[in-house]
N, C-alpha and C. Protein backbone atom coordinates (compact mmCIF):
# COMPACT_ATOMS: atom_id res chain seq x y z
N UNK A 1 -74.20 59.88 69.74
CA UNK A 1 -73.36 58.88 70.40
C UNK A 1 -73.61 58.92 71.91
N UNK A 2 -73.38 57.79 72.52
CA UNK A 2 -73.64 57.66 73.95
C UNK A 2 -72.56 56.79 74.58
N UNK A 3 -72.09 57.20 75.77
CA UNK A 3 -71.10 56.39 76.48
C UNK A 3 -71.68 55.91 77.79
N UNK A 4 -71.49 54.62 78.05
CA UNK A 4 -71.98 53.98 79.27
C UNK A 4 -70.79 53.52 80.10
N UNK A 5 -70.97 53.52 81.41
CA UNK A 5 -69.90 53.09 82.32
C UNK A 5 -70.42 51.94 83.19
N UNK A 6 -69.72 50.82 83.16
CA UNK A 6 -70.08 49.66 83.97
C UNK A 6 -68.89 49.25 84.84
N UNK A 7 -69.20 48.54 85.92
CA UNK A 7 -68.17 48.06 86.82
C UNK A 7 -68.42 46.58 87.10
N UNK A 8 -67.34 45.79 87.10
CA UNK A 8 -67.44 44.37 87.43
C UNK A 8 -66.52 44.08 88.62
N UNK A 9 -66.73 42.92 89.22
CA UNK A 9 -65.90 42.54 90.35
C UNK A 9 -66.36 43.10 91.68
N UNK A 10 -67.62 43.54 91.75
CA UNK A 10 -68.15 44.05 93.01
C UNK A 10 -68.48 42.89 93.95
N UNK A 11 -68.50 43.15 95.27
CA UNK A 11 -68.89 42.10 96.21
C UNK A 11 -70.28 41.58 95.88
N UNK A 12 -70.47 40.29 95.99
CA UNK A 12 -71.76 39.60 95.77
C UNK A 12 -72.18 39.57 94.31
N UNK A 13 -71.30 39.95 93.38
CA UNK A 13 -71.65 39.92 91.96
C UNK A 13 -71.87 38.48 91.50
N UNK A 14 -72.87 38.29 90.65
CA UNK A 14 -73.17 36.98 90.09
C UNK A 14 -73.16 37.05 88.57
N UNK A 15 -73.30 35.89 87.94
CA UNK A 15 -73.34 35.86 86.48
C UNK A 15 -74.54 36.61 85.95
N UNK A 16 -75.62 36.65 86.73
CA UNK A 16 -76.81 37.40 86.31
C UNK A 16 -76.50 38.88 86.14
N UNK A 17 -75.57 39.40 86.92
CA UNK A 17 -75.19 40.81 86.79
C UNK A 17 -74.48 41.06 85.47
N UNK A 18 -73.66 40.11 85.03
CA UNK A 18 -72.97 40.26 83.74
C UNK A 18 -73.99 40.20 82.59
N UNK A 19 -74.95 39.30 82.70
CA UNK A 19 -75.99 39.23 81.69
C UNK A 19 -76.80 40.52 81.67
N UNK A 20 -77.03 41.09 82.85
CA UNK A 20 -77.80 42.33 82.93
C UNK A 20 -77.07 43.49 82.25
N UNK A 21 -75.74 43.48 82.27
CA UNK A 21 -74.97 44.51 81.55
C UNK A 21 -75.30 44.44 80.07
N UNK A 22 -75.30 43.23 79.53
CA UNK A 22 -75.65 43.07 78.11
C UNK A 22 -77.08 43.50 77.84
N UNK A 23 -78.01 43.03 78.68
CA UNK A 23 -79.43 43.29 78.43
C UNK A 23 -79.74 44.79 78.52
N UNK A 24 -79.17 45.47 79.51
CA UNK A 24 -79.41 46.91 79.63
C UNK A 24 -78.84 47.65 78.43
N UNK A 25 -77.67 47.25 77.99
CA UNK A 25 -77.05 47.90 76.83
C UNK A 25 -77.89 47.71 75.58
N UNK A 26 -78.42 46.51 75.39
CA UNK A 26 -79.27 46.24 74.23
C UNK A 26 -80.55 47.06 74.29
N UNK A 27 -81.11 47.19 75.48
CA UNK A 27 -82.32 47.98 75.64
C UNK A 27 -82.07 49.44 75.28
N UNK A 28 -80.96 49.97 75.76
CA UNK A 28 -80.60 51.36 75.45
C UNK A 28 -80.33 51.51 73.95
N UNK A 29 -79.64 50.53 73.38
CA UNK A 29 -79.34 50.60 71.94
C UNK A 29 -80.61 50.63 71.11
N UNK A 30 -81.58 49.77 71.46
CA UNK A 30 -82.82 49.71 70.70
C UNK A 30 -83.58 51.03 70.78
N UNK A 31 -83.58 51.64 71.96
CA UNK A 31 -84.23 52.95 72.11
C UNK A 31 -83.50 53.99 71.27
N UNK A 32 -82.18 53.92 71.28
CA UNK A 32 -81.38 54.90 70.54
C UNK A 32 -81.58 54.74 69.03
N UNK A 33 -81.60 53.49 68.56
CA UNK A 33 -81.78 53.26 67.13
C UNK A 33 -83.17 53.70 66.67
N UNK A 34 -84.17 53.47 67.52
CA UNK A 34 -85.51 53.90 67.17
C UNK A 34 -85.61 55.39 66.95
N UNK A 35 -84.90 56.15 67.80
CA UNK A 35 -84.91 57.61 67.65
C UNK A 35 -84.02 58.05 66.49
N UNK A 36 -82.94 57.30 66.23
CA UNK A 36 -81.98 57.70 65.21
C UNK A 36 -82.53 57.51 63.80
N UNK A 37 -83.32 56.47 63.59
CA UNK A 37 -83.83 56.20 62.23
C UNK A 37 -84.68 57.36 61.73
N UNK A 38 -85.45 57.95 62.63
CA UNK A 38 -86.30 59.06 62.22
C UNK A 38 -85.47 60.27 61.80
N UNK A 39 -84.25 60.36 62.31
CA UNK A 39 -83.39 61.50 61.98
C UNK A 39 -82.46 61.19 60.81
N UNK A 40 -82.37 59.90 60.44
CA UNK A 40 -81.54 59.53 59.31
C UNK A 40 -80.08 59.32 59.66
N UNK A 41 -79.71 59.38 60.94
CA UNK A 41 -78.34 59.14 61.37
C UNK A 41 -78.34 58.19 62.55
N UNK A 42 -77.41 57.26 62.53
CA UNK A 42 -77.32 56.27 63.60
C UNK A 42 -76.01 56.49 64.35
N UNK A 43 -76.11 56.76 65.64
CA UNK A 43 -74.92 56.95 66.46
C UNK A 43 -74.38 55.63 66.97
N UNK A 44 -73.39 55.72 67.82
CA UNK A 44 -72.76 54.53 68.36
C UNK A 44 -72.72 54.61 69.87
N UNK A 45 -72.88 53.46 70.51
CA UNK A 45 -72.77 53.37 71.97
C UNK A 45 -71.40 52.79 72.31
N UNK A 46 -70.70 53.45 73.20
CA UNK A 46 -69.44 52.94 73.73
C UNK A 46 -69.67 52.58 75.19
N UNK A 47 -69.48 51.32 75.53
CA UNK A 47 -69.67 50.84 76.90
C UNK A 47 -68.31 50.55 77.51
N UNK A 48 -67.95 51.32 78.52
CA UNK A 48 -66.67 51.14 79.21
C UNK A 48 -66.88 50.26 80.44
N UNK A 49 -66.10 49.18 80.54
CA UNK A 49 -66.23 48.23 81.65
C UNK A 49 -64.91 48.17 82.39
N UNK A 50 -64.97 48.40 83.71
CA UNK A 50 -63.75 48.41 84.52
C UNK A 50 -63.92 47.52 85.75
N UNK A 51 -62.87 46.80 86.14
CA UNK A 51 -62.93 46.06 87.41
C UNK A 51 -62.98 47.05 88.58
N UNK A 52 -63.64 46.65 89.65
CA UNK A 52 -63.72 47.48 90.84
C UNK A 52 -62.33 47.71 91.43
N UNK A 53 -62.02 48.99 91.66
CA UNK A 53 -60.80 49.36 92.37
C UNK A 53 -61.24 50.14 93.60
N UNK A 54 -61.19 49.53 94.79
CA UNK A 54 -61.62 50.24 95.99
C UNK A 54 -60.83 51.54 96.17
N UNK A 55 -61.54 52.63 96.45
CA UNK A 55 -60.90 53.94 96.59
C UNK A 55 -61.06 54.45 98.02
N UNK A 56 -60.03 55.10 98.54
CA UNK A 56 -60.14 55.70 99.87
C UNK A 56 -61.29 56.70 99.93
N UNK A 57 -61.96 56.73 101.07
CA UNK A 57 -63.04 57.68 101.24
C UNK A 57 -64.29 57.32 100.46
N UNK A 58 -64.49 56.01 100.21
CA UNK A 58 -65.69 55.55 99.51
C UNK A 58 -66.26 54.34 100.25
N UNK A 59 -67.44 53.93 99.84
CA UNK A 59 -68.12 52.83 100.52
C UNK A 59 -67.32 51.53 100.50
N UNK A 60 -66.63 51.26 99.40
CA UNK A 60 -65.92 49.98 99.26
C UNK A 60 -64.45 50.06 99.68
N UNK A 61 -64.07 51.07 100.45
CA UNK A 61 -62.68 51.23 100.83
C UNK A 61 -62.15 50.08 101.68
N UNK A 62 -63.02 49.31 102.30
CA UNK A 62 -62.59 48.17 103.12
C UNK A 62 -62.46 46.89 102.30
N UNK A 63 -63.00 46.89 101.11
CA UNK A 63 -63.09 45.66 100.33
C UNK A 63 -61.80 45.34 99.58
N UNK A 64 -61.47 44.07 99.45
CA UNK A 64 -60.33 43.69 98.60
C UNK A 64 -60.71 43.74 97.13
N UNK A 65 -59.74 43.90 96.28
CA UNK A 65 -60.00 43.74 94.85
C UNK A 65 -60.27 42.27 94.57
N UNK A 66 -61.05 42.02 93.54
CA UNK A 66 -61.34 40.64 93.15
C UNK A 66 -60.08 40.02 92.55
N UNK A 67 -59.86 38.75 92.86
CA UNK A 67 -58.68 38.03 92.37
C UNK A 67 -58.55 38.16 90.86
N UNK A 68 -57.31 38.30 90.40
CA UNK A 68 -57.05 38.54 88.98
C UNK A 68 -57.62 37.42 88.10
N UNK A 69 -57.51 36.19 88.55
CA UNK A 69 -58.02 35.07 87.76
C UNK A 69 -59.53 35.17 87.59
N UNK A 70 -60.23 35.56 88.66
CA UNK A 70 -61.68 35.69 88.61
C UNK A 70 -62.08 36.83 87.68
N UNK A 71 -61.34 37.94 87.74
CA UNK A 71 -61.63 39.07 86.85
C UNK A 71 -61.47 38.66 85.40
N UNK A 72 -60.40 37.93 85.10
CA UNK A 72 -60.18 37.48 83.72
C UNK A 72 -61.33 36.58 83.25
N UNK A 73 -61.85 35.75 84.15
CA UNK A 73 -62.98 34.88 83.80
C UNK A 73 -64.23 35.72 83.52
N UNK A 74 -64.45 36.73 84.33
CA UNK A 74 -65.60 37.60 84.13
C UNK A 74 -65.49 38.36 82.80
N UNK A 75 -64.27 38.82 82.50
CA UNK A 75 -64.05 39.53 81.24
C UNK A 75 -64.32 38.62 80.05
N UNK A 76 -63.84 37.38 80.11
CA UNK A 76 -64.09 36.42 79.02
C UNK A 76 -65.59 36.15 78.87
N UNK A 77 -66.26 36.02 79.99
CA UNK A 77 -67.71 35.77 79.95
C UNK A 77 -68.43 36.95 79.33
N UNK A 78 -68.07 38.16 79.72
CA UNK A 78 -68.74 39.35 79.20
C UNK A 78 -68.46 39.52 77.71
N UNK A 79 -67.23 39.27 77.29
CA UNK A 79 -66.91 39.36 75.86
C UNK A 79 -67.76 38.37 75.06
N UNK A 80 -67.97 37.18 75.62
CA UNK A 80 -68.81 36.21 74.94
C UNK A 80 -70.26 36.65 74.84
N UNK A 81 -70.72 37.39 75.84
CA UNK A 81 -72.11 37.86 75.84
C UNK A 81 -72.36 38.98 74.84
N UNK A 82 -71.36 39.84 74.64
CA UNK A 82 -71.58 41.06 73.85
C UNK A 82 -70.83 41.04 72.52
N UNK A 83 -70.19 39.95 72.19
CA UNK A 83 -69.32 39.92 71.02
C UNK A 83 -70.01 40.22 69.70
N UNK A 84 -71.29 39.85 69.57
CA UNK A 84 -72.01 40.03 68.31
C UNK A 84 -72.97 41.20 68.34
N UNK A 85 -72.75 42.14 69.24
CA UNK A 85 -73.67 43.26 69.39
C UNK A 85 -73.34 44.37 68.39
N UNK A 86 -74.27 44.70 67.53
CA UNK A 86 -74.08 45.75 66.54
C UNK A 86 -74.30 47.13 67.17
N UNK A 87 -73.61 48.12 66.61
CA UNK A 87 -73.75 49.51 67.02
C UNK A 87 -73.32 49.76 68.47
N UNK A 88 -72.59 48.82 69.06
CA UNK A 88 -72.08 48.99 70.41
C UNK A 88 -70.63 48.54 70.45
N UNK A 89 -69.76 49.39 70.98
CA UNK A 89 -68.35 49.04 71.16
C UNK A 89 -68.08 48.91 72.65
N UNK A 90 -67.68 47.72 73.10
CA UNK A 90 -67.36 47.49 74.50
C UNK A 90 -65.86 47.65 74.71
N UNK A 91 -65.51 48.61 75.55
CA UNK A 91 -64.12 48.84 75.93
C UNK A 91 -63.91 48.26 77.32
N UNK A 92 -63.41 47.03 77.37
CA UNK A 92 -63.28 46.30 78.63
C UNK A 92 -61.83 46.38 79.10
N UNK A 93 -61.61 47.04 80.21
CA UNK A 93 -60.26 47.20 80.75
C UNK A 93 -59.76 45.88 81.33
N UNK A 94 -58.52 45.56 81.08
CA UNK A 94 -57.95 44.31 81.55
C UNK A 94 -57.56 44.40 83.02
N UNK A 95 -57.30 43.25 83.61
CA UNK A 95 -56.84 43.20 85.00
C UNK A 95 -55.51 43.90 85.15
N UNK A 96 -54.71 43.97 84.07
CA UNK A 96 -53.40 44.63 84.14
C UNK A 96 -53.55 46.11 84.50
N UNK A 97 -54.58 46.75 83.95
CA UNK A 97 -54.80 48.15 84.27
C UNK A 97 -55.23 48.33 85.72
N UNK A 98 -56.13 47.47 86.19
CA UNK A 98 -56.61 47.61 87.56
C UNK A 98 -55.52 47.30 88.58
N UNK A 99 -54.53 46.49 88.19
CA UNK A 99 -53.45 46.14 89.12
C UNK A 99 -52.68 47.38 89.56
N UNK A 100 -52.21 48.17 88.60
CA UNK A 100 -51.41 49.32 89.00
C UNK A 100 -52.29 50.45 89.53
N UNK A 101 -53.53 50.54 89.03
CA UNK A 101 -54.43 51.56 89.58
C UNK A 101 -54.76 51.26 91.04
N UNK A 102 -54.88 49.97 91.36
CA UNK A 102 -55.13 49.59 92.75
C UNK A 102 -53.95 49.93 93.64
N UNK A 103 -52.75 49.72 93.14
CA UNK A 103 -51.56 50.08 93.93
C UNK A 103 -51.52 51.58 94.20
N UNK A 104 -51.82 52.38 93.18
CA UNK A 104 -51.80 53.83 93.37
C UNK A 104 -52.92 54.28 94.31
N UNK A 105 -54.03 53.56 94.29
CA UNK A 105 -55.17 53.94 95.12
C UNK A 105 -54.99 53.54 96.58
N UNK A 106 -54.48 52.34 96.81
CA UNK A 106 -54.46 51.77 98.16
C UNK A 106 -53.07 51.73 98.78
N UNK A 107 -52.05 52.11 98.02
CA UNK A 107 -50.69 52.02 98.52
C UNK A 107 -50.30 53.15 99.46
N UNK A 108 -49.17 52.96 100.14
CA UNK A 108 -48.63 54.01 101.00
C UNK A 108 -47.27 54.43 100.47
N UNK A 109 -46.44 55.01 101.34
CA UNK A 109 -45.15 55.55 100.88
C UNK A 109 -44.23 54.47 100.30
N UNK A 110 -44.46 53.21 100.67
CA UNK A 110 -43.61 52.14 100.17
C UNK A 110 -43.82 51.86 98.68
N UNK A 111 -44.93 52.35 98.13
CA UNK A 111 -45.18 52.16 96.71
C UNK A 111 -44.38 53.16 95.87
N UNK A 112 -43.81 54.17 96.50
CA UNK A 112 -43.06 55.20 95.76
C UNK A 112 -41.92 54.61 94.95
N UNK A 113 -41.18 53.65 95.53
CA UNK A 113 -40.07 53.02 94.80
C UNK A 113 -40.58 52.26 93.58
N UNK A 114 -41.75 51.64 93.71
CA UNK A 114 -42.34 50.90 92.59
C UNK A 114 -42.69 51.87 91.46
N UNK A 115 -43.22 53.03 91.80
CA UNK A 115 -43.58 54.02 90.79
C UNK A 115 -42.36 54.47 90.00
N UNK A 116 -41.26 54.73 90.71
CA UNK A 116 -40.04 55.16 90.02
C UNK A 116 -39.50 54.08 89.10
N UNK A 117 -39.50 52.83 89.56
CA UNK A 117 -39.01 51.73 88.71
C UNK A 117 -39.91 51.51 87.50
N UNK A 118 -41.22 51.60 87.72
CA UNK A 118 -42.15 51.40 86.61
C UNK A 118 -41.97 52.47 85.54
N UNK A 119 -41.61 53.67 85.96
CA UNK A 119 -41.36 54.74 85.00
C UNK A 119 -40.14 54.43 84.15
N UNK A 120 -39.15 53.79 84.75
CA UNK A 120 -37.90 53.51 84.04
C UNK A 120 -37.95 52.23 83.20
N UNK A 121 -38.82 51.27 83.60
CA UNK A 121 -38.80 49.98 82.90
C UNK A 121 -39.89 49.83 81.85
N UNK A 122 -40.50 50.94 81.46
CA UNK A 122 -41.55 50.87 80.44
C UNK A 122 -42.91 50.54 81.00
N UNK A 123 -43.14 50.88 82.26
CA UNK A 123 -44.44 50.70 82.93
C UNK A 123 -44.78 49.23 83.14
N UNK A 124 -43.76 48.42 83.42
CA UNK A 124 -43.99 47.02 83.80
C UNK A 124 -44.13 46.99 85.32
N UNK A 125 -45.36 47.14 85.80
CA UNK A 125 -45.59 47.29 87.23
C UNK A 125 -45.28 46.03 88.02
N UNK A 126 -45.60 44.89 87.46
CA UNK A 126 -45.33 43.65 88.20
C UNK A 126 -43.83 43.41 88.34
N UNK A 127 -43.08 43.75 87.30
CA UNK A 127 -41.62 43.62 87.40
C UNK A 127 -41.08 44.59 88.44
N UNK A 128 -41.62 45.79 88.48
CA UNK A 128 -41.18 46.78 89.47
C UNK A 128 -41.50 46.31 90.88
N UNK A 129 -42.67 45.71 91.05
CA UNK A 129 -43.05 45.19 92.37
C UNK A 129 -42.10 44.08 92.78
N UNK A 130 -41.78 43.19 91.85
CA UNK A 130 -40.88 42.09 92.17
C UNK A 130 -39.49 42.59 92.53
N UNK A 131 -39.00 43.58 91.81
CA UNK A 131 -37.64 44.09 92.05
C UNK A 131 -37.53 44.78 93.41
N UNK A 132 -38.58 45.47 93.82
CA UNK A 132 -38.54 46.16 95.11
C UNK A 132 -38.89 45.24 96.27
N UNK A 133 -39.48 44.09 95.98
CA UNK A 133 -39.86 43.17 97.05
C UNK A 133 -41.14 43.57 97.76
N UNK A 134 -41.91 44.48 97.17
CA UNK A 134 -43.15 44.93 97.79
C UNK A 134 -44.20 43.82 97.77
N UNK A 135 -44.91 43.67 98.88
CA UNK A 135 -45.99 42.70 98.95
C UNK A 135 -47.27 43.36 98.43
N UNK A 136 -47.43 43.34 97.11
CA UNK A 136 -48.57 44.03 96.50
C UNK A 136 -49.89 43.42 96.92
N UNK A 137 -49.93 42.11 97.12
CA UNK A 137 -51.19 41.46 97.47
C UNK A 137 -51.74 41.96 98.80
N UNK A 138 -50.85 42.38 99.70
CA UNK A 138 -51.29 42.90 100.99
C UNK A 138 -52.07 44.20 100.81
N UNK A 139 -51.77 44.94 99.75
CA UNK A 139 -52.51 46.16 99.46
C UNK A 139 -53.79 45.88 98.68
N UNK A 140 -53.70 44.97 97.71
CA UNK A 140 -54.79 44.80 96.75
C UNK A 140 -55.86 43.82 97.18
N UNK A 141 -55.47 42.73 97.82
CA UNK A 141 -56.40 41.63 98.04
C UNK A 141 -56.69 41.36 99.51
N UNK A 142 -56.43 42.31 100.38
CA UNK A 142 -56.70 42.13 101.80
C UNK A 142 -58.03 42.77 102.17
N UNK A 143 -58.84 42.01 102.90
CA UNK A 143 -60.12 42.53 103.39
C UNK A 143 -59.84 43.42 104.60
N UNK A 144 -60.22 44.70 104.51
CA UNK A 144 -59.97 45.65 105.59
C UNK A 144 -61.19 45.91 106.46
N UNK A 145 -62.24 45.12 106.29
CA UNK A 145 -63.49 45.38 106.99
C UNK A 145 -63.34 45.28 108.50
N UNK A 146 -62.32 44.58 108.98
CA UNK A 146 -62.09 44.46 110.41
C UNK A 146 -61.17 45.53 110.97
N UNK A 147 -60.64 46.40 110.11
CA UNK A 147 -59.72 47.45 110.55
C UNK A 147 -60.49 48.59 111.20
N UNK A 148 -60.08 48.97 112.40
CA UNK A 148 -60.73 50.09 113.07
C UNK A 148 -60.33 51.43 112.47
N UNK A 149 -59.13 51.47 111.89
CA UNK A 149 -58.64 52.74 111.34
C UNK A 149 -57.88 52.45 110.05
N UNK A 150 -58.16 53.23 109.01
CA UNK A 150 -57.49 53.08 107.73
C UNK A 150 -56.47 54.19 107.56
N UNK A 151 -55.36 53.94 106.87
CA UNK A 151 -54.27 54.93 106.78
C UNK A 151 -54.73 56.30 106.28
N UNK A 152 -55.64 56.33 105.32
CA UNK A 152 -56.06 57.60 104.72
C UNK A 152 -57.08 58.36 105.57
N UNK A 153 -57.47 57.80 106.70
CA UNK A 153 -58.44 58.50 107.55
C UNK A 153 -57.82 59.70 108.29
N UNK A 154 -56.52 59.88 108.14
CA UNK A 154 -55.91 61.09 108.70
C UNK A 154 -56.35 62.32 107.91
N UNK A 155 -56.92 62.10 106.71
CA UNK A 155 -57.44 63.19 105.88
C UNK A 155 -58.95 63.26 106.07
N UNK A 156 -59.44 64.43 106.44
CA UNK A 156 -60.86 64.63 106.64
C UNK A 156 -61.52 64.99 105.32
N UNK A 157 -62.24 64.04 104.75
CA UNK A 157 -62.93 64.29 103.49
C UNK A 157 -64.33 64.84 103.66
N UNK A 158 -64.74 65.11 104.90
CA UNK A 158 -66.03 65.69 105.15
C UNK A 158 -67.15 64.68 105.41
N UNK A 159 -66.85 63.38 105.26
CA UNK A 159 -67.85 62.34 105.50
C UNK A 159 -67.37 61.45 106.63
N UNK A 160 -68.27 61.09 107.52
CA UNK A 160 -67.92 60.24 108.65
C UNK A 160 -67.81 58.78 108.22
N UNK A 161 -66.89 58.07 108.88
CA UNK A 161 -66.70 56.66 108.58
C UNK A 161 -67.98 55.87 108.81
N UNK A 162 -68.77 56.26 109.80
CA UNK A 162 -70.01 55.55 110.09
C UNK A 162 -70.97 55.58 108.90
N UNK A 163 -70.94 56.68 108.13
CA UNK A 163 -71.81 56.76 106.95
C UNK A 163 -71.40 55.73 105.92
N UNK A 164 -70.09 55.61 105.66
CA UNK A 164 -69.62 54.63 104.68
C UNK A 164 -69.90 53.20 105.16
N UNK A 165 -69.78 52.97 106.47
CA UNK A 165 -70.09 51.65 107.01
C UNK A 165 -71.56 51.30 106.74
N UNK A 166 -72.44 52.25 106.97
CA UNK A 166 -73.85 52.03 106.72
C UNK A 166 -74.12 51.77 105.24
N UNK A 167 -73.45 52.53 104.39
CA UNK A 167 -73.62 52.34 102.95
C UNK A 167 -73.13 50.96 102.51
N UNK A 168 -72.03 50.48 103.12
CA UNK A 168 -71.51 49.16 102.79
C UNK A 168 -72.52 48.09 103.16
N UNK A 169 -73.13 48.22 104.33
CA UNK A 169 -74.13 47.24 104.74
C UNK A 169 -75.35 47.31 103.83
N UNK A 170 -75.76 48.51 103.44
CA UNK A 170 -76.88 48.63 102.49
C UNK A 170 -76.55 47.94 101.18
N UNK A 171 -75.31 48.11 100.72
CA UNK A 171 -74.90 47.49 99.47
C UNK A 171 -74.96 45.97 99.58
N UNK A 172 -74.53 45.45 100.70
CA UNK A 172 -74.56 43.99 100.88
C UNK A 172 -75.98 43.45 100.90
N UNK A 173 -76.91 44.28 101.38
CA UNK A 173 -78.31 43.86 101.42
C UNK A 173 -79.05 44.21 100.14
N UNK A 174 -78.37 44.91 99.21
CA UNK A 174 -79.01 45.29 97.96
C UNK A 174 -80.00 46.41 98.12
N UNK A 175 -79.79 47.28 99.12
CA UNK A 175 -80.70 48.39 99.37
C UNK A 175 -80.16 49.67 98.76
N UNK A 176 -81.08 50.52 98.29
CA UNK A 176 -80.71 51.81 97.74
C UNK A 176 -80.65 52.86 98.84
N UNK A 177 -79.75 53.82 98.67
CA UNK A 177 -79.71 54.97 99.56
C UNK A 177 -80.82 55.93 99.17
N UNK A 178 -81.47 56.51 100.14
CA UNK A 178 -82.56 57.44 99.83
C UNK A 178 -82.05 58.60 98.99
N UNK A 179 -82.83 58.97 98.01
CA UNK A 179 -82.44 60.09 97.14
C UNK A 179 -82.28 61.37 97.95
N UNK A 180 -83.06 61.51 99.03
CA UNK A 180 -82.97 62.72 99.84
C UNK A 180 -81.58 62.87 100.46
N UNK A 181 -80.97 61.73 100.82
CA UNK A 181 -79.64 61.79 101.42
C UNK A 181 -78.64 62.35 100.41
N UNK A 182 -78.70 61.84 99.17
CA UNK A 182 -77.79 62.33 98.14
C UNK A 182 -77.99 63.82 97.91
N UNK A 183 -79.26 64.26 97.89
CA UNK A 183 -79.54 65.67 97.66
C UNK A 183 -78.97 66.52 98.80
N UNK A 184 -79.15 66.04 100.03
CA UNK A 184 -78.67 66.81 101.17
C UNK A 184 -77.15 66.86 101.21
N UNK A 185 -76.49 65.77 100.78
CA UNK A 185 -75.03 65.75 100.76
C UNK A 185 -74.49 66.75 99.74
N UNK A 186 -75.12 66.80 98.58
CA UNK A 186 -74.70 67.77 97.57
C UNK A 186 -74.86 69.19 98.09
N UNK A 187 -75.98 69.43 98.76
CA UNK A 187 -76.23 70.77 99.28
C UNK A 187 -75.23 71.12 100.37
N UNK A 188 -74.89 70.13 101.21
CA UNK A 188 -73.89 70.39 102.25
C UNK A 188 -72.57 70.79 101.63
N UNK A 189 -72.19 70.11 100.53
CA UNK A 189 -70.94 70.48 99.85
C UNK A 189 -70.99 71.89 99.30
N UNK A 190 -72.16 72.28 98.76
CA UNK A 190 -72.29 73.64 98.23
C UNK A 190 -72.17 74.67 99.35
N UNK A 191 -72.80 74.38 100.49
CA UNK A 191 -72.72 75.31 101.61
C UNK A 191 -71.28 75.47 102.09
N UNK A 192 -70.55 74.36 102.14
CA UNK A 192 -69.15 74.43 102.56
C UNK A 192 -68.32 75.23 101.56
N UNK A 193 -68.65 75.07 100.26
CA UNK A 193 -67.93 75.81 99.22
C UNK A 193 -68.17 77.30 99.37
N UNK A 194 -69.40 77.69 99.63
CA UNK A 194 -69.71 79.10 99.83
C UNK A 194 -68.96 79.64 101.04
N UNK A 195 -68.93 78.85 102.12
CA UNK A 195 -68.24 79.30 103.32
C UNK A 195 -66.76 79.53 103.06
N UNK A 196 -66.15 78.64 102.24
CA UNK A 196 -64.72 78.81 101.94
C UNK A 196 -64.50 80.07 101.11
N UNK A 197 -65.38 80.29 100.13
CA UNK A 197 -65.24 81.49 99.31
C UNK A 197 -65.34 82.75 100.17
N UNK A 198 -66.34 82.78 101.04
CA UNK A 198 -66.54 83.96 101.87
C UNK A 198 -65.39 84.16 102.85
N UNK A 199 -64.82 83.06 103.35
CA UNK A 199 -63.73 83.18 104.31
C UNK A 199 -62.46 83.71 103.67
N UNK A 200 -62.35 83.56 102.34
CA UNK A 200 -61.18 84.06 101.62
C UNK A 200 -61.46 85.41 100.94
N UNK A 201 -62.52 86.07 101.38
CA UNK A 201 -62.85 87.41 100.89
C UNK A 201 -63.12 87.45 99.39
N UNK A 202 -63.63 86.31 98.85
CA UNK A 202 -64.03 86.33 97.44
C UNK A 202 -65.34 87.09 97.30
N UNK A 203 -65.51 87.74 96.18
CA UNK A 203 -66.76 88.44 95.90
C UNK A 203 -67.78 87.42 95.40
N UNK A 204 -68.84 87.23 96.14
CA UNK A 204 -69.85 86.26 95.79
C UNK A 204 -71.18 86.97 95.62
N UNK A 205 -71.83 86.71 94.51
CA UNK A 205 -73.13 87.31 94.25
C UNK A 205 -74.11 86.91 95.36
N UNK A 206 -74.78 87.88 95.99
CA UNK A 206 -75.70 87.55 97.09
C UNK A 206 -76.77 86.55 96.69
N UNK A 207 -77.24 86.64 95.46
CA UNK A 207 -78.27 85.71 95.00
C UNK A 207 -77.74 84.29 94.95
N UNK A 208 -76.47 84.16 94.47
CA UNK A 208 -75.86 82.83 94.42
C UNK A 208 -75.66 82.27 95.82
N UNK A 209 -75.22 83.13 96.73
CA UNK A 209 -75.00 82.70 98.11
C UNK A 209 -76.28 82.20 98.73
N UNK A 210 -77.38 82.93 98.50
CA UNK A 210 -78.67 82.53 99.05
C UNK A 210 -79.15 81.22 98.45
N UNK A 211 -78.90 81.04 97.16
CA UNK A 211 -79.39 79.85 96.45
C UNK A 211 -78.74 78.59 96.99
N UNK A 212 -77.43 78.62 97.21
CA UNK A 212 -76.75 77.41 97.64
C UNK A 212 -76.85 77.20 99.14
N UNK A 213 -77.20 78.24 99.89
CA UNK A 213 -77.26 78.13 101.34
C UNK A 213 -78.61 77.65 101.84
N UNK A 214 -79.65 77.74 100.98
CA UNK A 214 -80.97 77.31 101.42
C UNK A 214 -80.97 75.81 101.68
N UNK A 215 -81.52 75.43 102.81
CA UNK A 215 -81.52 74.02 103.23
C UNK A 215 -82.84 73.38 102.85
N UNK A 216 -82.82 72.25 102.15
CA UNK A 216 -84.08 71.61 101.78
C UNK A 216 -84.71 70.91 102.97
N UNK A 217 -85.98 70.59 102.81
CA UNK A 217 -86.64 69.83 103.86
C UNK A 217 -85.99 68.47 103.98
N UNK A 218 -85.71 68.04 105.21
CA UNK A 218 -85.00 66.78 105.42
C UNK A 218 -85.75 65.96 106.45
N UNK A 219 -86.16 64.76 106.07
CA UNK A 219 -86.97 63.92 106.96
C UNK A 219 -86.28 62.61 107.26
N UNK A 220 -85.03 62.47 106.85
CA UNK A 220 -84.39 61.16 107.02
C UNK A 220 -83.46 61.06 108.20
N UNK A 221 -83.42 62.03 109.09
CA UNK A 221 -82.54 61.95 110.24
C UNK A 221 -81.25 62.71 110.01
N UNK A 222 -80.40 62.69 111.00
CA UNK A 222 -79.14 63.41 110.96
C UNK A 222 -78.14 62.66 110.09
N UNK A 223 -77.59 63.33 109.09
CA UNK A 223 -76.62 62.67 108.20
C UNK A 223 -75.41 62.19 108.97
N UNK A 224 -75.04 62.88 110.05
CA UNK A 224 -73.86 62.46 110.81
C UNK A 224 -74.06 61.13 111.50
N UNK A 225 -75.31 60.67 111.57
CA UNK A 225 -75.59 59.37 112.17
C UNK A 225 -75.33 58.25 111.17
């Protein structure tokens, strides 16, 4: 069995991207079936599809969520594309799920009252929002790209805002981030983890410490830039 994860509602998404979800899934399925027949067992592919929910401390943290009506249209289109696909189960999350997840992701202390009401009313988030008078659309559908400072930037996640800005522009241009950058970021996280362990007097195997502390060759410039 194999599980795939897809996302819809990204900036600049077109109908060709929805078709590509189907085509990639079919390609993977055909490869999987070819290998499975020789073994005498056929597995199943589960494809999970979720609307984009911008998260703090990520490249799309400035972006608004896609309008609910548009998401529903994309979901209907995707269901039509994959409805007759054998050996593949598409689990497509509705806009209702992304609505409350977006509030939890992008909300501030004013969302606390909504959470308490939703717990009491059977998780009817829209009713809770209406009862509290919260302007949910200001959290979910506002473009923050012009904001100099975001509320969650008081928390240092270890990555500079300039890096996410650069990544956002790369995404808009359809450019990939260099693999070396990803490798160096992972290594930086490992080095920080080792430093925390050592600062708390944890016993760390010297070989492990050396392994994670070694710095790879880096030719792409300073990550802080």
